[in-house]
Amino acid sequence: MDPRARLVATSALSFLLLPLSLCAQEPATATPAKPDAPAATAPQRGRTANAGAPAANTPEGELPIPAETNSVTHHDWTAGSRTVHYTATAGVLLINGEGQDSKPIGTMSYVAYTEDGVHAKSRPVTFFYNGGPGSATIWLHMGSMGPVRVITKSPEASGAPPFEWVQNQYSLIDKTDLVFIDAPLTGYSRLVGKGKATDFQGVDQDVRAFNKFITRYITVNQRWSSPKYLFGESYGTPRSAALVASLNNDGIAFNGVTLLSSVLNYFVNSPGYDLDTKRYIPSYAAIAWYHNKVPHTGTMKDFVQKAREFTRGEYAIALDQGDQLPAAEFDAVATKLAGFTGLSVTYCKQVKLRIDPSRFRKELLRDKGLTLGRYDARFEGTDTDDAGETPGYDPSDTGISGAYVGAFHEYMQKELKHNPDTTYDLRAPGGNWDWHHRPSGMRGGGGAGQAPAQPNTVTDLSDAMRKNPSLRVFSANGWYDLATPFFGTEHDLAQMMLPKSQAGNVKYGYYPAGHMVYLNVDALKEMHDDLEKWYSEK
């Protein structure tokens, strides 16, 4: 799970907000937009239609069904190569249950940024979401490609207020409209009518909800002919893979999918799968290089490439032999493994060549009394003692949460004039997530009851790309990410068995950061530049 699914709201939310050159021109109210309001002109394009007033006579045992209300403000973005006049719309859309005559069972909250004065057909729209599963999208919203971003002290802990947010010079608002969506039961999203948590808490249930939201959004805002993109982080990447296939099967074609810090195949997490061990070795090499635990000869990229080759070759062959591996070969592989990971040869032998990422986080800097972050191994932490097997917490999680939560609430209330009479939930309430998933295009018969117990959404993405040969994928990866290691992503995306003509539709970016690439501003700049070029390609 990513840090967003485990966070609890911080109590330290009061801080000094520094001025920004975003000027609200229209005080927003919680008034629903008119259902017949024209959507072709830019100021109206970000508005949502009214689904009707709350039910006057709610049947006993049902929750009220609210109207689709929103808050609309107008702003200028001046941090890029050109000024962008845009409308910000913060609100909720209703999500219906299954069937033609079904009624709403939930709402999903969102914030949309749409450029004014541009025809919808020529203006792309990108849908963003975080992962978890069960995480709100505060992190991508306030850190990545939106028009504002939070200032942190990354890779140091950001500490206590006051916090600061500024115009984001690396926003994609000059390339695409941006819609940041909170997953069901997170953010301001709520159950309504006869909705139950189990309607949303599962791989396929979650995909259905996002499918319905996007379909509703492009209908209400007349975006059916707009170029469309998905941008998911962490668990948002398997969601994207399954979602783009689901939408494609419903006749809604997409232009591209950005996968940030991917975890597409959960099968590899099962005990006994050596792939789970192998996919971390190149990340260990990058992290050991960053912390000066290995000799610096050549470049880090060269060193990581050698680690890839070792992992695919000698290391994989050794693991395949298991207990039958001759002692001399065991010693030789342990020595090379230590050379790539910065750990001692003795330690590599003790763990039987299989290095758990949590143990690595505790072991690499044990001599200094420091631990490493899971989501970003640039972050360092300390435990109550140095003798433990694994770290007591993730400093890359705790180090940034206060800044994001505090800045987000201030920004929503004061800049976007959006202050619903309810709590913004960082995570969905606890529940049993249904991990069963039947991939799109899966060969063979059988019903939903035969769906695998762990999702592999590589099959979904492959199916979507075969059916829509124009679909492009950009895989963004942090060198220092120990939650979703880049070598595992490379392996997964290489298993789509695409025709040679589509091989170039999958591109990669690698950045000097961790899971949340945007925490390093230099990495954010690099990722922004790569994505600007990617959006411009046809």
Protein backbone atom coordinates (compact mmCIF):
# COMPACT_ATOMS: atom_id res chain seq x y z
CA MET A 1 0.00 0.00 0.00
CA ASP A 2 1.27 3.50 -0.64
CA PRO A 3 1.60 6.08 2.14
CA ARG A 4 -1.61 7.81 1.17
CA ALA A 5 -3.70 4.76 2.14
CA ARG A 6 -2.22 4.66 5.64
CA LEU A 7 -2.18 8.32 6.60
CA VAL A 8 -4.41 9.81 9.26
CA ALA A 9 -5.30 13.48 9.20
CA THR A 10 -2.84 15.68 11.07
CA SER A 11 -4.11 18.10 13.71
CA ALA A 12 -1.54 20.79 12.89
CA LEU A 13 -3.35 22.50 10.04
CA SER A 14 -3.04 26.20 10.86
CA PHE A 15 -0.22 27.95 9.03
CA LEU A 16 0.69 31.11 7.19
CA LEU A 17 -0.17 31.00 3.51
CA LEU A 18 2.17 33.09 1.37
CA PRO A 19 0.63 35.18 -1.43
CA LEU A 20 0.32 33.78 -4.94
CA SER A 21 -0.48 35.42 -8.26
CA LEU A 22 -3.69 33.42 -8.59
CA CYS A 23 -6.58 35.84 -8.51
CA ALA A 24 -10.07 34.50 -7.80
CA GLN A 25 -12.50 36.48 -9.94
CA GLU A 26 -15.78 34.81 -9.12
CA PRO A 27 -16.71 34.08 -5.49
CA ALA A 28 -17.96 30.52 -5.50
CA THR A 29 -21.07 29.16 -3.88
CA ALA A 30 -22.38 25.67 -3.41
CA THR A 31 -25.02 26.29 -6.02
CA PRO A 32 -25.54 23.52 -8.57
CA ALA A 33 -24.98 24.49 -12.16
CA LYS A 34 -28.00 24.61 -14.42
CA PRO A 35 -28.61 21.40 -16.35
CA ASP A 36 -29.02 23.23 -19.63
CA ALA A 37 -25.99 25.47 -19.21
CA PRO A 38 -23.93 25.53 -22.43
CA ALA A 39 -20.65 23.63 -22.11
CA ALA A 40 -18.96 24.73 -25.33
CA THR A 41 -17.64 28.04 -23.95
CA ALA A 42 -14.61 27.73 -21.70
CA PRO A 43 -15.91 29.34 -18.47
CA GLN A 44 -18.80 26.87 -18.45
CA ARG A 45 -16.80 23.84 -19.48
CA GLY A 46 -15.64 23.15 -15.92
CA ARG A 47 -19.14 23.27 -14.48
CA THR A 48 -21.18 20.24 -13.63
CA ALA A 49 -24.83 19.67 -14.28
CA ASN A 50 -27.41 19.49 -11.52
CA ALA A 51 -28.60 15.94 -10.89
CA GLY A 52 -31.52 17.22 -8.87
CA ALA A 53 -32.11 18.26 -5.29
CA PRO A 54 -31.66 15.83 -2.42
CA ALA A 55 -34.43 13.28 -2.19
CA ALA A 56 -37.35 14.80 -0.32
CA ASN A 57 -38.64 11.50 1.03
CA THR A 58 -35.68 9.23 1.52
CA PRO A 59 -36.89 5.68 2.17
CA GLU A 60 -35.99 4.31 5.56
CA GLY A 61 -32.56 2.71 5.53
CA GLU A 62 -31.32 4.77 2.58
CA LEU A 63 -28.89 7.68 2.61
CA PRO A 64 -29.91 11.01 1.06
CA ILE A 65 -28.98 11.57 -2.58
CA PRO A 66 -27.49 15.08 -2.87
CA ALA A 67 -27.32 17.37 -5.86
CA GLU A 68 -24.15 17.58 -7.94
CA THR A 69 -22.88 20.90 -6.60
CA ASN A 70 -19.60 22.65 -7.28
CA SER A 71 -17.49 25.71 -6.56
CA VAL A 72 -16.21 27.66 -9.59
CA THR A 73 -13.36 30.19 -9.51
CA HIS A 74 -11.19 31.77 -12.21
CA HIS A 75 -7.41 32.10 -12.19
CA ASP A 76 -4.29 32.95 -14.19
CA TRP A 77 -1.23 30.73 -14.46
CA THR A 78 1.84 32.80 -15.31
CA ALA A 79 4.65 30.44 -14.33
CA GLY A 80 5.21 28.86 -17.74
CA SER A 81 6.13 29.93 -21.25
CA ARG A 82 2.67 31.43 -21.78
CA THR A 83 -0.10 32.76 -19.58
CA VAL A 84 -3.07 30.41 -19.14
CA HIS A 85 -6.46 31.75 -18.04
CA TYR A 86 -8.30 28.84 -16.46
CA THR A 87 -11.38 27.85 -14.51
CA ALA A 88 -11.11 25.73 -11.37
CA THR A 89 -14.15 23.61 -10.53
CA ALA A 90 -14.29 21.71 -7.23
CA GLY A 91 -17.30 19.49 -6.71
CA VAL A 92 -18.81 16.02 -6.77
CA LEU A 93 -20.46 13.80 -9.37
CA LEU A 94 -23.00 11.09 -8.65
CA ILE A 95 -22.11 7.45 -9.34
CA ASN A 96 -25.00 5.17 -10.28
CA GLY A 97 -25.31 1.49 -9.51
CA GLU A 98 -25.54 -1.17 -12.19
CA GLY A 99 -28.44 -1.36 -14.66
CA GLN A 100 -30.23 1.11 -16.89
CA ASP A 101 -32.67 2.26 -14.21
CA SER A 102 -30.21 2.21 -11.32
CA LYS A 103 -30.05 5.05 -8.83
CA PRO A 104 -27.00 6.79 -7.38
CA ILE A 105 -25.04 4.80 -4.80
CA GLY A 106 -22.17 7.23 -4.20
CA THR A 107 -20.45 10.47 -5.06
CA MET A 108 -16.87 11.08 -6.19
CA SER A 109 -15.20 14.42 -5.51
CA TYR A 110 -12.84 16.13 -7.92
CA VAL A 111 -11.08 19.36 -8.83
CA ALA A 112 -10.88 20.25 -12.53
CA TYR A 113 -8.67 22.91 -14.13
CA THR A 114 -9.86 23.86 -17.63
CA GLU A 115 -8.35 26.49 -19.90
CA ASP A 116 -10.69 29.31 -20.88
CA GLY A 117 -11.47 30.18 -24.47
CA VAL A 118 -10.33 26.91 -26.06
CA HIS A 119 -12.65 24.61 -27.97
CA ALA A 120 -13.04 21.27 -26.20
CA LYS A 121 -12.30 19.24 -29.33
CA SER A 122 -8.76 20.65 -29.60
CA ARG A 123 -8.01 20.64 -25.87
CA PRO A 124 -6.83 17.41 -24.20
CA VAL A 125 -8.15 16.40 -20.77
CA THR A 126 -6.15 14.28 -18.31
CA PHE A 127 -7.65 12.41 -15.35
CA PHE A 128 -5.36 12.05 -12.31
CA TYR A 129 -5.66 9.83 -9.24
CA ASN A 130 -3.52 8.38 -6.49
CA GLY A 131 -3.57 4.78 -5.34
CA GLY A 132 -3.71 2.94 -2.05
CA PRO A 133 -6.07 1.33 -2.78
CA GLY A 134 -8.26 3.73 -0.87
CA SER A 135 -6.23 6.92 -1.07
CA ALA A 136 -7.41 10.43 -1.84
CA THR A 137 -5.65 12.34 -4.62
CA ILE A 138 -4.29 15.18 -2.48
CA TRP A 139 -0.72 14.08 -3.31
CA LEU A 140 -0.80 14.26 -7.10
CA HIS A 141 -3.09 17.29 -6.89
CA MET A 142 -0.75 19.35 -4.73
CA GLY A 143 2.61 17.99 -5.87
CA SER A 144 2.74 16.96 -9.52
CA MET A 145 1.26 18.62 -12.62
CA GLY A 146 -1.42 20.89 -11.16
CA PRO A 147 -1.20 24.70 -11.33
CA VAL A 148 0.07 24.91 -7.73
CA ARG A 149 2.47 22.75 -5.71
CA VAL A 150 3.46 22.38 -2.08
CA ILE A 151 6.97 23.33 -0.97
CA THR A 152 8.66 20.60 1.08
CA LYS A 153 12.18 20.16 2.46
CA SER A 154 12.57 16.84 0.66
CA PRO A 155 14.55 14.71 1.37
CA GLU A 156 14.54 16.24 4.85
CA ALA A 157 11.39 16.13 6.99
CA SER A 158 9.26 19.21 6.31
CA GLY A 159 8.45 19.58 9.99
CA ALA A 160 5.80 21.88 11.46
CA PRO A 161 3.86 24.85 10.01
CA PRO A 162 3.92 27.35 8.46
CA PHE A 163 3.81 25.61 5.07
CA GLU A 164 3.96 27.17 1.63
CA TRP A 165 2.45 26.51 -1.77
CA VAL A 166 3.33 28.35 -4.96
CA GLN A 167 2.45 28.46 -8.61
CA ASN A 168 3.80 25.31 -10.20
CA GLN A 169 6.13 26.22 -13.04
CA TYR A 170 6.12 22.55 -14.03
CA SER A 171 2.36 22.23 -14.43
CA LEU A 172 0.88 20.70 -17.59
CA ILE A 173 -1.99 23.22 -17.58
CA ASP A 174 -0.52 24.72 -20.77
CA LYS A 175 -0.82 21.32 -22.50
CA THR A 176 -3.97 19.74 -21.12
CA ASP A 177 -6.95 20.30 -18.87
CA LEU A 178 -6.46 18.53 -15.54
CA VAL A 179 -9.06 16.63 -13.49
CA PHE A 180 -7.95 15.33 -10.08
CA ILE A 181 -10.33 12.60 -8.87
CA ASP A 182 -10.71 11.27 -5.34
CA ALA A 183 -11.34 7.53 -5.17
CA PRO A 184 -14.70 6.35 -3.77
CA LEU A 185 -15.01 6.88 0.00
CA THR A 186 -12.01 9.25 0.03
CA GLY A 187 -11.79 13.03 -0.15
CA TYR A 188 -15.34 14.42 -0.13
CA SER A 189 -16.67 11.27 -1.83
CA ARG A 190 -19.53 9.59 0.05
CA LEU A 191 -22.05 6.74 -0.06
CA VAL A 192 -25.58 7.79 -1.03
CA GLY A 193 -28.90 6.05 -1.52
CA LYS A 194 -28.55 2.29 -1.08
CA GLY A 195 -24.79 2.39 -1.63
CA LYS A 196 -22.53 0.14 0.45
CA ALA A 197 -18.78 0.16 0.93
CA THR A 198 -18.57 -3.22 -0.79
CA ASP A 199 -19.92 -1.59 -3.97
CA PHE A 200 -16.56 0.20 -4.29
CA GLN A 201 -13.93 -1.70 -2.32
CA GLY A 202 -12.43 -4.09 -4.83
CA VAL A 203 -10.33 -4.11 -7.99
CA ASP A 204 -13.24 -4.40 -10.41
CA GLN A 205 -15.65 -2.40 -8.26
CA ASP A 206 -13.15 0.47 -8.16
CA VAL A 207 -12.65 0.35 -11.95
CA ARG A 208 -16.43 0.47 -12.49
CA ALA A 209 -16.70 3.56 -10.29
CA PHE A 210 -13.92 5.41 -12.14
CA ASN A 211 -15.42 4.35 -15.47
CA LYS A 212 -18.76 5.83 -14.41
CA PHE A 213 -17.14 9.02 -13.14
CA ILE A 214 -15.19 9.66 -16.34
CA THR A 215 -18.20 8.83 -18.50
CA ARG A 216 -20.31 11.23 -16.44
CA TYR A 217 -17.67 13.97 -16.53
CA ILE A 218 -17.14 13.92 -20.30
CA THR A 219 -20.91 13.83 -20.81
CA VAL A 220 -21.75 16.73 -18.50
CA ASN A 221 -18.87 18.82 -19.79
CA GLN A 222 -19.20 17.84 -23.48
CA ARG A 223 -15.69 16.37 -23.74
CA TRP A 224 -16.48 13.31 -25.85
CA SER A 225 -14.31 14.54 -28.75
CA SER A 226 -11.43 15.79 -26.61
CA PRO A 227 -8.13 13.88 -26.62
CA LYS A 228 -8.12 11.92 -23.35
CA TYR A 229 -5.40 10.71 -21.01
CA LEU A 230 -5.11 8.86 -17.70
CA PHE A 231 -2.44 9.56 -15.07
CA GLY A 232 -2.25 7.14 -12.14
CA GLU A 233 0.30 6.77 -9.36
CA SER A 234 1.08 3.58 -7.38
CA TYR A 235 -2.15 1.54 -7.11
CA GLY A 236 -3.46 4.09 -9.61
CA THR A 237 -1.33 2.28 -12.23
CA PRO A 238 -3.13 -1.10 -12.11
CA ARG A 239 -6.34 0.92 -11.96
CA SER A 240 -5.25 2.75 -15.13
CA ALA A 241 -4.42 -0.47 -16.92
CA ALA A 242 -7.78 -2.04 -16.12
CA LEU A 243 -9.67 1.26 -16.51
CA VAL A 244 -8.39 2.12 -19.98
CA ALA A 245 -9.41 -1.38 -21.11
CA SER A 246 -12.84 -1.01 -19.48
CA LEU A 247 -13.43 2.38 -21.08
CA ASN A 248 -12.20 1.12 -24.44
CA ASN A 249 -14.64 -1.79 -24.24
CA ASP A 250 -17.40 0.78 -23.68
CA GLY A 251 -16.41 2.70 -26.80
CA ILE A 252 -14.44 5.45 -25.02
CA ALA A 253 -11.02 5.50 -26.65
CA PHE A 254 -8.05 7.13 -24.92
CA ASN A 255 -4.91 8.68 -26.38
CA GLY A 256 -2.46 7.88 -23.62
CA VAL A 257 -1.77 6.57 -20.12
CA THR A 258 0.94 7.78 -17.76
CA LEU A 259 2.00 5.17 -15.20
CA LEU A 260 3.87 6.75 -12.28
CA SER A 261 5.57 4.24 -9.95
CA SER A 262 3.88 1.10 -11.23
CA VAL A 263 2.71 -2.09 -9.56
CA LEU A 264 0.87 -3.85 -12.37
CA ASN A 265 1.24 -7.49 -11.33
CA TYR A 266 0.43 -8.50 -7.75
CA PHE A 267 1.11 -12.19 -8.34
CA VAL A 268 4.84 -11.61 -7.88
CA ASN A 269 4.27 -10.71 -4.22
CA SER A 270 3.34 -14.32 -3.44
CA PRO A 271 5.79 -16.26 -1.24
CA GLY A 272 8.29 -18.35 -3.17
CA TYR A 273 8.35 -16.20 -6.31
CA ASP A 274 11.97 -15.31 -7.05
CA LEU A 275 10.80 -12.52 -9.35
CA ASP A 276 9.85 -10.55 -6.24
CA THR A 277 13.47 -10.72 -5.09
CA LYS A 278 15.03 -10.05 -8.48
CA ARG A 279 13.07 -6.92 -9.27
CA TYR A 280 14.69 -4.98 -6.38
CA ILE A 281 18.40 -5.52 -7.13
CA PRO A 282 18.86 -2.61 -9.61
CA SER A 283 17.04 -0.29 -7.16
CA TYR A 284 19.35 -1.41 -4.36
CA ALA A 285 22.28 -0.56 -6.64
CA ALA A 286 20.97 2.97 -7.32
CA ILE A 287 20.32 3.56 -3.62
CA ALA A 288 23.71 2.22 -2.56
CA TRP A 289 25.30 4.57 -5.09
CA TYR A 290 23.28 7.54 -3.77
CA HIS A 291 24.40 6.85 -0.18
CA ASN A 292 28.04 6.27 -1.20
CA LYS A 293 28.04 2.63 -0.08
CA VAL A 294 29.62 1.38 -3.34
CA PRO A 295 32.68 2.65 -5.27
CA HIS A 296 31.85 5.41 -7.76
CA THR A 297 33.38 4.35 -11.03
CA GLY A 298 31.62 5.46 -14.20
CA THR A 299 28.09 6.81 -13.79
CA MET A 300 25.17 5.68 -11.67
CA LYS A 301 23.22 4.70 -14.80
CA ASP A 302 26.13 2.54 -15.95
CA PHE A 303 26.29 0.90 -12.53
CA VAL A 304 22.54 0.24 -12.51
CA GLN A 305 22.74 -1.25 -16.00
CA LYS A 306 25.40 -3.68 -14.80
CA ALA A 307 23.08 -4.58 -11.91
CA ARG A 308 20.30 -5.29 -14.42
CA GLU A 309 22.58 -7.59 -16.41
CA PHE A 310 23.76 -9.39 -13.26
CA THR A 311 20.15 -9.84 -12.12
CA ARG A 312 18.98 -11.30 -15.43
CA GLY A 313 22.06 -13.51 -15.71
CA GLU A 314 24.13 -14.98 -12.88
CA TYR A 315 21.74 -13.99 -10.12
CA ALA A 316 18.62 -15.40 -11.80
CA ILE A 317 20.44 -18.63 -12.65
CA ALA A 318 21.59 -18.98 -9.05
CA LEU A 319 18.11 -18.44 -7.62
CA ASP A 320 16.63 -20.94 -10.07
CA GLN A 321 18.93 -23.64 -8.68
CA GLY A 322 17.77 -23.01 -5.13
CA ASP A 323 19.22 -25.51 -2.66
CA GLN A 324 21.05 -27.25 -5.50
CA LEU A 325 23.36 -24.28 -6.08
CA PRO A 326 26.99 -25.40 -5.60
CA ALA A 327 28.80 -23.78 -2.67
CA ALA A 328 31.46 -22.14 -4.85
CA GLU A 329 28.81 -20.50 -7.07
CA PHE A 330 26.86 -19.43 -3.98
CA ASP A 331 29.95 -17.66 -2.63
CA ALA A 332 30.69 -16.02 -5.98
CA VAL A 333 27.14 -14.71 -6.43
CA ALA A 334 27.02 -13.47 -2.82
CA THR A 335 30.23 -11.50 -3.41
CA LYS A 336 28.85 -9.85 -6.56
CA LEU A 337 25.50 -9.19 -4.87
CA ALA A 338 27.29 -7.40 -2.04
CA GLY A 339 29.19 -5.33 -4.60
CA PHE A 340 25.95 -4.06 -6.13
CA THR A 341 23.93 -3.53 -2.93
CA GLY A 342 26.50 -2.08 -0.54
CA LEU A 343 25.77 -4.82 1.98
CA SER A 344 28.39 -7.18 3.40
CA VAL A 345 29.14 -10.53 1.79
CA THR A 346 28.33 -12.17 5.12
CA TYR A 347 24.88 -10.56 5.18
CA CYS A 348 24.14 -11.60 1.58
CA LYS A 349 25.00 -15.17 2.52
CA GLN A 350 22.92 -15.07 5.70
CA VAL A 351 19.79 -14.08 3.76
CA LYS A 352 20.46 -16.80 1.17
CA LEU A 353 20.93 -14.19 -1.60
CA ARG A 354 17.35 -12.94 -1.13
CA ILE A 355 17.29 -9.39 0.23
CA ASP A 356 13.97 -8.18 1.58
CA PRO A 357 13.43 -4.43 0.93
CA SER A 358 12.43 -3.71 4.53
CA ARG A 359 15.61 -5.39 5.76
CA PHE A 360 17.66 -3.46 3.20
CA ARG A 361 16.23 -0.18 4.56
CA LYS A 362 17.51 -1.08 8.03
CA GLU A 363 20.81 -2.67 7.03
CA LEU A 364 22.41 -0.32 4.50
CA LEU A 365 23.12 2.53 6.96
CA ARG A 366 23.06 0.51 10.16
CA ASP A 367 26.64 1.55 10.90
CA LYS A 368 25.41 5.17 11.06
CA GLY A 369 22.30 4.38 13.09
CA LEU A 370 20.06 5.46 10.20
CA THR A 371 17.16 3.86 8.32
CA LEU A 372 15.88 4.57 4.81
CA GLY A 373 12.49 5.52 3.44
CA ARG A 374 10.43 2.92 1.60
CA TYR A 375 8.76 5.31 -0.79
CA ASP A 376 11.90 7.35 -1.24
CA ALA A 377 15.21 5.94 -0.01
CA ARG A 378 16.80 9.40 -0.08
CA PHE A 379 14.95 10.07 3.19
CA GLU A 380 16.72 8.98 6.38
CA GLY A 381 15.24 8.19 9.78
CA THR A 382 16.22 6.90 13.21
CA ASP A 383 14.77 4.13 15.36
CA THR A 384 14.76 3.78 19.13
CA ASP A 385 17.64 1.33 18.75
CA ASP A 386 19.88 0.10 15.96
CA ALA A 387 19.49 -3.64 16.51
CA GLY A 388 16.14 -4.23 14.86
CA GLU A 389 15.54 -6.16 11.68
CA THR A 390 13.33 -3.59 9.93
CA PRO A 391 12.66 0.17 10.35
CA GLY A 392 10.01 1.35 12.77
CA TYR A 393 8.49 3.84 10.32
CA ASP A 394 8.91 5.31 6.85
CA PRO A 395 10.57 8.76 7.00
CA SER A 396 9.56 9.45 3.39
CA ASP A 397 5.92 9.09 4.51
CA THR A 398 5.99 11.03 7.77
CA GLY A 399 8.34 13.64 6.37
CA ILE A 400 5.87 15.18 3.92
CA SER A 401 2.32 14.41 5.10
CA GLY A 402 1.88 17.46 7.36
CA ALA A 403 2.90 19.89 4.63
CA TYR A 404 0.54 18.37 2.08
CA VAL A 405 -2.48 18.11 4.35
CA GLY A 406 -2.07 21.62 5.76
CA ALA A 407 -1.44 23.35 2.45
CA PHE A 408 -4.26 21.47 0.71
CA HIS A 409 -6.95 22.55 3.18
CA GLU A 410 -5.81 26.17 3.12
CA TYR A 411 -5.72 26.18 -0.68
CA MET A 412 -9.16 24.62 -1.07
CA GLN A 413 -10.80 26.98 1.41
CA LYS A 414 -9.15 30.26 0.52
CA GLU A 415 -8.26 29.91 -3.16
CA LEU A 416 -10.91 27.59 -4.57
CA LYS A 417 -13.63 28.76 -2.12
CA HIS A 418 -14.57 25.13 -1.53
CA ASN A 419 -15.34 24.21 2.05
CA PRO A 420 -17.97 21.46 2.22
CA ASP A 421 -19.61 20.76 5.55
CA THR A 422 -17.80 17.43 5.80
CA THR A 423 -14.32 16.05 6.42
CA TYR A 424 -11.83 15.49 3.62
CA ASP A 425 -10.86 11.84 4.15
CA LEU A 426 -7.28 11.00 3.23
CA ARG A 427 -8.13 7.33 3.11
CA ALA A 428 -11.19 5.13 2.76
CA PRO A 429 -12.54 3.47 5.91
CA GLY A 430 -11.08 0.07 6.71
CA GLY A 431 -12.58 -2.87 4.90
CA ASN A 432 -11.74 -6.05 3.08
CA TRP A 433 -10.54 -5.12 -0.40
CA ASP A 434 -11.69 -7.64 -3.00
CA TRP A 435 -8.54 -8.43 -4.97
CA HIS A 436 -10.23 -10.73 -7.50
CA HIS A 437 -9.95 -9.44 -11.04
CA ARG A 438 -10.74 -10.94 -14.42
CA PRO A 439 -8.58 -9.11 -16.98
CA SER A 440 -10.02 -7.69 -20.17
CA GLY A 441 -9.26 -10.00 -23.08
CA MET A 442 -8.48 -12.94 -20.80
CA ARG A 443 -8.49 -16.13 -22.82
CA GLY A 444 -10.77 -19.02 -21.87
CA GLY A 445 -14.27 -19.22 -20.47
CA GLY A 446 -15.54 -18.95 -16.94
CA GLY A 447 -17.41 -16.40 -14.96
CA ALA A 448 -16.35 -13.72 -12.47
CA GLY A 449 -16.11 -16.32 -9.73
CA GLN A 450 -13.04 -17.74 -11.46
CA ALA A 451 -11.17 -14.45 -11.47
CA PRO A 452 -7.62 -14.68 -10.07
CA ALA A 453 -7.20 -13.80 -6.40
CA GLN A 454 -4.39 -11.34 -7.21
CA PRO A 455 -4.65 -8.93 -10.14
CA ASN A 456 -2.28 -8.88 -13.10
CA THR A 457 -3.40 -5.85 -15.10
CA VAL A 458 -0.63 -6.17 -17.68
CA THR A 459 -3.16 -8.26 -19.59
CA ASP A 460 -5.71 -5.42 -19.47
CA LEU A 461 -3.25 -2.87 -20.78
CA SER A 462 -2.12 -5.22 -23.55
CA ASP A 463 -5.73 -5.82 -24.54
CA ALA A 464 -6.47 -2.09 -24.67
CA MET A 465 -3.39 -1.40 -26.79
CA ARG A 466 -4.24 -4.15 -29.27
CA LYS A 467 -7.79 -2.89 -29.68
CA ASN A 468 -6.66 0.74 -29.88
CA PRO A 469 -3.29 0.70 -31.71
CA SER A 470 -2.94 4.47 -31.21
CA LEU A 471 -2.88 4.16 -27.41
CA ARG A 472 0.47 5.29 -25.98
CA VAL A 473 1.98 4.59 -22.55
CA PHE A 474 4.55 6.60 -20.60
CA SER A 475 6.14 4.82 -17.62
CA ALA A 476 7.67 7.23 -15.08
CA ASN A 477 9.98 5.73 -12.46
CA GLY A 478 12.04 6.88 -9.48
CA TRP A 479 15.51 5.40 -9.07
CA TYR A 480 15.13 5.30 -5.28
CA ASP A 481 11.63 3.81 -5.00
CA LEU A 482 11.47 0.67 -2.82
CA ALA A 483 7.69 0.34 -3.04
CA THR A 484 7.41 -0.15 -6.81
CA PRO A 485 10.92 -0.87 -8.15
CA PHE A 486 11.53 0.17 -11.75
CA PHE A 487 13.07 -3.16 -12.79
CA GLY A 488 9.78 -4.87 -11.94
CA THR A 489 7.92 -2.37 -14.10
CA GLU A 490 10.31 -2.98 -16.98
CA HIS A 491 9.68 -6.71 -16.68
CA ASP A 492 5.89 -6.33 -16.55
CA LEU A 493 5.58 -3.97 -19.51
CA ALA A 494 7.82 -6.27 -21.55
CA GLN A 495 5.28 -9.07 -21.14
CA MET A 496 2.45 -7.47 -23.15
CA MET A 497 3.45 -9.40 -26.30
CA LEU A 498 2.61 -6.45 -28.54
CA PRO A 499 3.26 -6.50 -32.28
CA LYS A 500 6.51 -4.86 -33.32
CA SER A 501 4.59 -1.98 -34.84
CA GLN A 502 3.44 -0.96 -31.35
CA ALA A 503 6.72 -1.43 -29.49
CA GLY A 504 7.42 2.31 -29.73
CA ASN A 505 4.09 3.11 -28.05
CA VAL A 506 5.64 2.35 -24.64
CA LYS A 507 8.24 4.84 -23.38
CA TYR A 508 10.11 5.21 -20.09
CA GLY A 509 11.39 8.01 -17.90
CA TYR A 510 13.76 7.61 -14.92
CA TYR A 511 14.26 10.28 -12.29
CA PRO A 512 16.48 11.00 -9.23
CA ALA A 513 13.66 10.54 -6.74
CA GLY A 514 11.46 7.88 -5.20
CA HIS A 515 7.82 6.77 -5.46
CA MET A 516 6.51 10.36 -5.49
CA VAL A 517 8.91 11.63 -8.16
CA TYR A 518 7.63 15.18 -7.76
CA LEU A 519 9.08 15.48 -4.21
CA ASN A 520 12.41 16.26 -5.87
CA VAL A 521 11.85 19.50 -7.80
CA ASP A 522 14.72 18.71 -10.17
CA ALA A 523 13.08 15.35 -10.94
CA LEU A 524 9.71 17.05 -11.37
CA LYS A 525 11.25 19.37 -13.96
CA GLU A 526 12.69 16.39 -15.86
CA MET A 527 9.40 14.50 -15.76
CA HIS A 528 7.49 17.60 -16.88
CA ASP A 529 9.83 18.10 -19.84
CA ASP A 530 9.47 14.44 -20.84
CA LEU A 531 5.68 14.60 -20.60
CA GLU A 532 5.46 17.84 -22.59
CA LYS A 533 7.26 16.11 -25.44
CA TRP A 534 5.14 13.00 -25.02
CA TYR A 535 1.87 14.95 -25.20
CA SER A 536 3.10 16.64 -28.38
CA GLU A 537 3.72 13.31 -30.12
CA LYS A 538 1.10 11.79 -32.37
